[in-house]
Amino acid sequence: MSIEHQHDHDGLDGGKSRRGLLRLASLALGLAVAAIFLVAIFSYQVSETEYVVVTTFDKIDPALPAPGLSFRWPYPVQKIHRFDKRFRCVTGSSGKLEEASTSDGKLIVISLFAYYRISDPLVFFKSLKTVGDAEVKVNEVLRSAKINAVARHGFANFVNTNPEKMQMGRIETEILDEVKTVASKQYGIEIKCVGIRFLGLPEAITKSVFERMKQERDTIANDYRKKGVRIADEIVAEAEKQKELKLAEANAEAKRIRGEGDAKAAFFYAAFKKDPGLAAFLRKLDALKRVLDQKTTLILDDKTPPFDLLGEGYGKFIEGTAKPK
């Protein structure tokens, strides 16, 4: 065999090998695509945040698939219906501003909001099918319960200057109690909470309501003023009573001291009356004490009262050795 012939033979074998590899790659790719296609047709994924209802020939399967991968018959044999299980906020027609009448015939403008979620997907799917249908029903039951609750309460439970008379929390609870049982049993919906979104007054009665509220505040203010005057009068009366009591006690004490002084004075007057010389002597001593209280230099006759006490006779009298002559 020549060299040229050998080269041609090798080239043919190499081309066949490449074509064979391409066929195998194409076959593998086709099988992979087919496998993906079959998995997509015969399986579905369930998220943690959703419910899935499966129908076979439009008949509901009572078993709810767990989160993860599940198998199914391809459409249209089996259909997959997905519903979000998380809470949603709804206002809709219940959130619109509309008038409602209180038990005493007053009109108020009120709107609501509610948080709800699908709690029983089978009941929900049988009765409503879609989330849009659910919100329509929720708004209907909310609106009915709102009108009923407002009609059970007086105007003062909605608008009042006294917080203790306001019943907003109680009214919201009454609305929730009325709608949650109906929503759960009939539609498979759990209503978590209901709240008052807006509360106002029709323009026609706003002015009269504000005037009445002003009068109520004026009445309360006048009551406080009267109470203040009464308390002030009580304080003044108590102060006067204490003053009179203190004055009476002071006068009694002064009379007692004066009486003691008069008694002592009477005693001394009686003693002085028996011995006038002693009285004169004591008066002179008192005069000397006042005159000589500080350093004083006087040049006087020792016969001049009261310095005559400094004479020899009185000196001896003071010492207790002789009486004055």
Protein backbone atom coordinates (compact mmCIF):
# COMPACT_ATOMS: atom_id res chain seq x y z
CA MET A 1 0.00 0.00 0.00
CA SER A 2 1.34 3.41 -0.93
CA ILE A 3 1.72 6.28 1.50
CA GLU A 4 -0.96 8.37 -0.21
CA HIS A 5 -3.49 5.55 0.03
CA GLN A 6 -2.76 5.14 3.78
CA HIS A 7 -3.40 8.84 4.44
CA ASP A 8 -6.75 8.73 2.66
CA HIS A 9 -7.80 5.75 4.74
CA ASP A 10 -6.93 7.50 8.04
CA GLY A 11 -8.89 10.59 7.03
CA LEU A 12 -12.00 8.57 6.38
CA ASP A 13 -11.77 6.86 9.79
CA GLY A 14 -11.34 10.23 11.57
CA GLY A 15 -14.41 11.71 9.89
CA LYS A 16 -16.50 8.73 10.86
CA SER A 17 -15.36 9.04 14.48
CA ARG A 18 -16.31 12.73 14.68
CA ARG A 19 -19.70 12.04 13.14
CA GLY A 20 -20.26 9.30 15.68
CA LEU A 21 -19.43 11.63 18.58
CA LEU A 22 -21.80 14.26 17.22
CA ARG A 23 -24.58 11.68 16.97
CA LEU A 24 -23.98 10.60 20.58
CA ALA A 25 -23.95 14.23 21.78
CA SER A 26 -27.15 14.99 19.93
CA LEU A 27 -28.79 11.87 21.33
CA ALA A 28 -27.71 12.78 24.89
CA LEU A 29 -28.97 16.33 24.47
CA GLY A 30 -32.24 15.06 23.11
CA LEU A 31 -32.64 12.67 26.02
CA ALA A 32 -31.86 15.46 28.50
CA VAL A 33 -34.39 17.78 26.88
CA ALA A 34 -36.95 15.00 26.84
CA ALA A 35 -36.26 14.26 30.52
CA ILE A 36 -36.66 17.94 31.44
CA PHE A 37 -39.82 18.12 29.39
CA LEU A 38 -41.23 15.00 31.05
CA VAL A 39 -40.30 16.29 34.52
CA ALA A 40 -41.99 19.61 33.73
CA ILE A 41 -45.09 17.81 32.51
CA PHE A 42 -45.31 15.17 35.23
CA SER A 43 -44.20 17.21 38.29
CA TYR A 44 -44.69 20.57 40.01
CA GLN A 45 -43.11 22.54 42.86
CA VAL A 46 -44.97 23.68 45.98
CA SER A 47 -43.63 26.72 47.86
CA GLU A 48 -43.68 27.22 51.65
CA THR A 49 -45.82 30.34 51.20
CA GLU A 50 -48.62 28.82 49.14
CA TYR A 51 -51.37 26.26 49.09
CA VAL A 52 -51.87 24.00 46.06
CA VAL A 53 -55.20 22.43 45.14
CA VAL A 54 -55.06 19.65 42.54
CA THR A 55 -58.08 18.74 40.40
CA THR A 56 -58.32 15.53 38.32
CA PHE A 57 -60.82 15.94 35.50
CA ASP A 58 -62.06 18.99 37.49
CA LYS A 59 -62.66 16.88 40.58
CA ILE A 60 -60.91 18.25 43.68
CA ASP A 61 -58.26 16.05 45.26
CA PRO A 62 -58.86 16.26 49.06
CA ALA A 63 -55.17 15.71 49.86
CA LEU A 64 -53.11 18.89 49.86
CA PRO A 65 -49.54 18.40 48.57
CA ALA A 66 -46.74 19.23 50.99
CA PRO A 67 -44.10 21.86 50.14
CA GLY A 68 -41.49 20.50 47.72
CA LEU A 69 -41.59 18.49 44.51
CA SER A 70 -44.74 16.49 43.67
CA PHE A 71 -45.79 14.42 40.68
CA ARG A 72 -48.91 14.86 38.57
CA TRP A 73 -50.70 13.75 35.45
CA PRO A 74 -50.19 16.22 32.61
CA TYR A 75 -52.73 18.90 31.74
CA PRO A 76 -55.66 18.68 31.14
CA VAL A 77 -55.95 15.49 33.19
CA GLN A 78 -54.79 17.26 36.33
CA LYS A 79 -54.80 21.01 36.96
CA ILE A 80 -52.78 22.88 39.58
CA HIS A 81 -54.38 25.80 41.45
CA ARG A 82 -52.08 27.94 43.62
CA PHE A 83 -53.13 30.24 46.48
CA ASP A 84 -50.92 32.48 48.62
CA LYS A 85 -51.22 31.53 52.30
CA ARG A 86 -49.79 34.83 53.65
CA PHE A 87 -51.90 37.60 55.20
CA ARG A 88 -53.30 40.28 52.95
CA CYS A 89 -54.86 43.67 53.70
CA VAL A 90 -58.22 44.46 52.17
CA THR A 91 -60.12 47.75 52.05
CA GLY A 92 -62.19 47.67 48.85
CA SER A 93 -65.77 48.78 49.34
CA SER A 94 -65.42 48.52 53.13
CA GLY A 95 -62.59 51.07 52.94
CA LYS A 96 -64.67 53.59 51.00
CA LEU A 97 -66.10 56.56 52.87
CA GLU A 98 -69.80 56.01 53.38
CA GLU A 99 -72.38 57.17 55.89
CA ALA A 100 -73.82 54.98 58.62
CA SER A 101 -76.51 55.78 61.19
CA THR A 102 -75.94 55.44 64.94
CA SER A 103 -78.53 54.16 67.42
CA ASP A 104 -79.59 57.74 68.24
CA GLY A 105 -80.09 58.65 64.58
CA LYS A 106 -76.83 60.56 63.98
CA LEU A 107 -74.84 60.08 60.79
CA ILE A 108 -71.11 59.36 60.73
CA VAL A 109 -68.69 58.70 57.90
CA ILE A 110 -66.70 55.50 58.51
CA SER A 111 -64.44 53.09 56.61
CA LEU A 112 -62.69 49.84 57.59
CA PHE A 113 -59.68 47.71 56.79
CA ALA A 114 -59.05 44.03 57.52
CA TYR A 115 -56.18 41.54 57.50
CA TYR A 116 -57.11 38.11 56.17
CA ARG A 117 -55.57 34.94 54.77
CA ILE A 118 -56.77 31.70 53.22
CA SER A 119 -57.04 29.17 56.04
CA ASP A 120 -58.86 26.31 54.28
CA PRO A 121 -57.88 26.14 50.60
CA LEU A 122 -60.39 23.40 49.77
CA VAL A 123 -63.38 25.38 51.11
CA PHE A 124 -61.95 28.51 49.52
CA PHE A 125 -61.58 26.85 46.11
CA LYS A 126 -65.06 25.35 46.22
CA SER A 127 -66.76 28.64 47.13
CA LEU A 128 -64.65 31.41 45.59
CA LYS A 129 -61.95 30.09 43.23
CA THR A 130 -59.87 33.33 43.06
CA VAL A 131 -58.42 35.96 45.42
CA GLY A 132 -60.45 38.62 43.64
CA ASP A 133 -63.66 36.76 44.49
CA ALA A 134 -62.44 36.43 48.09
CA GLU A 135 -61.92 40.16 48.54
CA VAL A 136 -65.35 40.87 47.11
CA LYS A 137 -66.95 38.56 49.70
CA VAL A 138 -64.79 39.88 52.55
CA ASN A 139 -65.83 43.44 51.69
CA GLU A 140 -69.48 42.42 51.61
CA VAL A 141 -69.45 40.83 55.07
CA LEU A 142 -67.37 43.71 56.48
CA ARG A 143 -69.76 46.33 55.15
CA SER A 144 -72.77 44.52 56.61
CA ALA A 145 -71.10 44.05 59.99
CA LYS A 146 -69.99 47.69 60.02
CA ILE A 147 -73.53 48.98 59.50
CA ASN A 148 -74.86 46.64 62.22
CA ALA A 149 -72.18 47.64 64.74
CA VAL A 150 -72.69 51.38 64.17
CA ALA A 151 -76.45 50.95 64.60
CA ARG A 152 -75.90 49.34 68.03
CA HIS A 153 -73.97 52.31 69.43
CA GLY A 154 -74.82 55.93 70.11
CA PHE A 155 -73.02 58.90 68.59
CA ALA A 156 -71.21 59.55 71.89
CA ASN A 157 -69.36 56.21 71.52
CA PHE A 158 -67.71 57.51 68.34
CA VAL A 159 -67.21 61.24 69.00
CA ASN A 160 -66.76 62.46 72.55
CA THR A 161 -64.54 64.74 74.61
CA ASN A 162 -64.52 62.14 77.39
CA PRO A 163 -62.16 59.28 76.45
CA GLU A 164 -63.95 56.90 78.83
CA LYS A 165 -67.10 57.07 76.71
CA MET A 166 -65.32 56.20 73.48
CA GLN A 167 -65.97 52.59 72.37
CA MET A 168 -63.80 52.30 69.24
CA GLY A 169 -61.97 49.15 70.36
CA ARG A 170 -65.21 47.47 71.39
CA ILE A 171 -66.86 48.32 68.06
CA GLU A 172 -63.92 46.87 66.10
CA THR A 173 -64.14 43.68 68.17
CA GLU A 174 -67.88 43.39 67.52
CA ILE A 175 -67.32 43.70 63.77
CA LEU A 176 -64.55 41.08 63.87
CA ASP A 177 -66.68 38.64 65.88
CA GLU A 178 -69.52 38.99 63.38
CA VAL A 179 -67.46 38.40 60.23
CA LYS A 180 -64.79 35.88 61.21
CA THR A 181 -67.17 32.93 61.74
CA VAL A 182 -68.99 33.54 58.45
CA ALA A 183 -65.74 34.02 56.54
CA SER A 184 -64.18 30.87 58.00
CA LYS A 185 -67.10 28.47 57.54
CA GLN A 186 -68.43 29.69 54.20
CA TYR A 187 -65.28 30.84 52.42
CA GLY A 188 -62.31 29.19 54.17
CA ILE A 189 -60.88 32.61 55.09
CA GLU A 190 -59.38 33.64 58.43
CA ILE A 191 -59.89 37.32 59.28
CA LYS A 192 -57.18 38.22 61.75
CA CYS A 193 -58.20 41.75 62.70
CA VAL A 194 -60.55 44.56 61.70
CA GLY A 195 -59.83 48.25 62.22
CA ILE A 196 -61.48 51.60 61.63
CA ARG A 197 -59.57 53.24 58.81
CA PHE A 198 -61.37 56.60 58.86
CA LEU A 199 -64.02 58.20 61.02
CA GLY A 200 -65.57 61.55 60.26
CA LEU A 201 -68.78 63.55 60.19
CA PRO A 202 -70.94 64.65 57.30
CA GLU A 203 -70.42 68.30 56.48
CA ALA A 204 -74.04 69.11 57.27
CA ILE A 205 -73.71 68.21 60.96
CA THR A 206 -70.05 69.03 61.59
CA LYS A 207 -70.79 72.59 62.69
CA SER A 208 -73.51 71.59 65.15
CA VAL A 209 -71.34 68.82 66.58
CA PHE A 210 -68.43 71.19 67.11
CA GLU A 211 -70.76 73.70 68.76
CA ARG A 212 -72.07 71.02 71.09
CA MET A 213 -68.53 69.90 71.92
CA LYS A 214 -67.62 73.53 72.67
CA GLN A 215 -70.57 73.83 75.02
CA GLU A 216 -69.54 70.63 76.77
CA ARG A 217 -66.01 71.95 77.24
CA ASP A 218 -67.36 75.26 78.55
CA THR A 219 -69.54 73.38 81.03
CA ILE A 220 -66.54 71.36 82.21
CA ALA A 221 -64.46 74.56 82.50
CA ASN A 222 -67.18 76.25 84.56
CA ASP A 223 -67.37 73.22 86.84
CA TYR A 224 -63.62 73.43 87.41
CA ARG A 225 -63.89 77.18 88.15
CA LYS A 226 -66.67 76.60 90.68
CA LYS A 227 -64.68 73.83 92.28
CA GLY A 228 -61.64 76.13 92.49
CA VAL A 229 -63.68 78.91 94.14
CA ARG A 230 -65.13 76.42 96.62
CA ILE A 231 -61.70 75.08 97.51
CA ALA A 232 -60.35 78.64 97.87
CA ASP A 233 -63.22 79.55 100.22
CA GLU A 234 -62.51 76.44 102.28
CA ILE A 235 -58.81 77.36 102.51
CA VAL A 236 -59.63 80.96 103.56
CA ALA A 237 -62.16 79.74 106.15
CA GLU A 238 -59.64 77.28 107.58
CA ALA A 239 -56.98 80.02 107.70
CA GLU A 240 -59.39 82.36 109.53
CA LYS A 241 -60.25 79.60 111.96
CA GLN A 242 -56.56 78.93 112.65
CA LYS A 243 -55.92 82.65 113.05
CA GLU A 244 -58.73 83.01 115.60
CA LEU A 245 -57.47 79.94 117.43
CA LYS A 246 -53.91 81.29 117.57
CA LEU A 247 -55.11 84.71 118.73
CA ALA A 248 -57.24 83.15 121.45
CA GLU A 249 -54.27 81.03 122.59
CA ALA A 250 -51.99 84.11 122.55
CA ASN A 251 -54.51 86.20 124.54
CA ALA A 252 -54.91 83.41 127.06
CA GLU A 253 -51.13 83.12 127.43
CA ALA A 254 -50.80 86.92 127.77
CA LYS A 255 -53.48 86.96 130.47
CA ARG A 256 -51.73 84.14 132.29
CA ILE A 257 -48.36 85.95 132.18
CA ARG A 258 -50.00 89.21 133.15
CA GLY A 259 -51.69 87.48 136.06
CA GLU A 260 -48.41 85.98 137.21
CA GLY A 261 -46.79 89.41 136.92
CA ASP A 262 -49.60 91.05 138.83
CA ALA A 263 -49.32 88.40 141.55
CA LYS A 264 -45.58 88.97 141.87
CA ALA A 265 -46.05 92.73 141.79
CA ALA A 266 -48.70 92.50 144.51
CA PHE A 267 -46.31 90.47 146.62
CA PHE A 268 -43.54 93.03 146.23
CA TYR A 269 -45.92 95.95 146.74
CA ALA A 270 -47.04 94.39 150.00
CA ALA A 271 -43.40 93.98 151.09
CA PHE A 272 -42.54 97.52 150.06
CA LYS A 273 -45.62 98.84 151.86
CA LYS A 274 -44.39 97.28 155.08
CA ASP A 275 -40.85 98.70 154.62
CA PRO A 276 -40.82 101.85 152.42
CA GLY A 277 -37.10 102.28 153.12
CA LEU A 278 -36.35 98.97 151.45
CA ALA A 279 -38.32 100.07 148.42
CA ALA A 280 -36.37 103.33 148.21
CA PHE A 281 -33.12 101.44 148.64
CA LEU A 282 -33.90 99.04 145.81
CA ARG A 283 -34.95 101.88 143.52
CA LYS A 284 -31.62 103.62 144.18
CA LEU A 285 -29.71 100.40 143.45
CA ASP A 286 -31.54 100.03 140.15
CA ALA A 287 -30.70 103.65 139.27
CA LEU A 288 -27.02 103.09 140.09
CA LYS A 289 -26.99 99.97 137.91
CA ARG A 290 -28.32 101.89 134.96
CA VAL A 291 -26.01 104.90 135.43
CA LEU A 292 -22.87 102.88 136.12
CA ASP A 293 -23.57 100.17 133.56
CA GLN A 294 -20.53 101.27 131.54
CA LYS A 295 -17.26 102.98 132.43
CA THR A 296 -18.43 106.31 133.85
CA THR A 297 -16.66 109.02 135.80
CA LEU A 298 -18.91 111.25 137.92
CA ILE A 299 -18.00 113.97 140.47
CA LEU A 300 -21.00 114.44 142.69
CA ASP A 301 -21.85 115.02 146.30
CA ASP A 302 -22.35 111.75 148.14
CA LYS A 303 -25.50 113.21 149.56
CA THR A 304 -27.16 113.29 146.15
CA PRO A 305 -29.54 110.34 145.56
CA PRO A 306 -28.90 107.66 144.56
CA PHE A 307 -25.19 108.16 145.24
CA ASP A 308 -25.89 108.66 148.89
CA LEU A 309 -25.85 104.85 148.96
CA LEU A 310 -22.12 105.05 148.57
CA GLY A 311 -21.82 106.86 151.87
CA GLU A 312 -20.47 105.26 154.99
CA GLY A 313 -23.79 104.51 156.52
CA TYR A 314 -25.26 102.73 153.53
CA GLY A 315 -21.99 100.96 152.94
CA LYS A 316 -22.23 99.40 156.32
CA PHE A 317 -25.89 98.61 155.68
CA ILE A 318 -24.96 96.81 152.46
CA GLU A 319 -22.32 94.83 154.27
CA GLY A 320 -24.94 93.93 156.87
CA THR A 321 -23.10 95.55 159.84
CA ALA A 322 -25.33 98.59 160.43
CA LYS A 323 -28.58 100.20 159.41
CA PRO A 324 -28.70 103.56 157.64
CA LYS A 325 -29.02 106.58 159.97
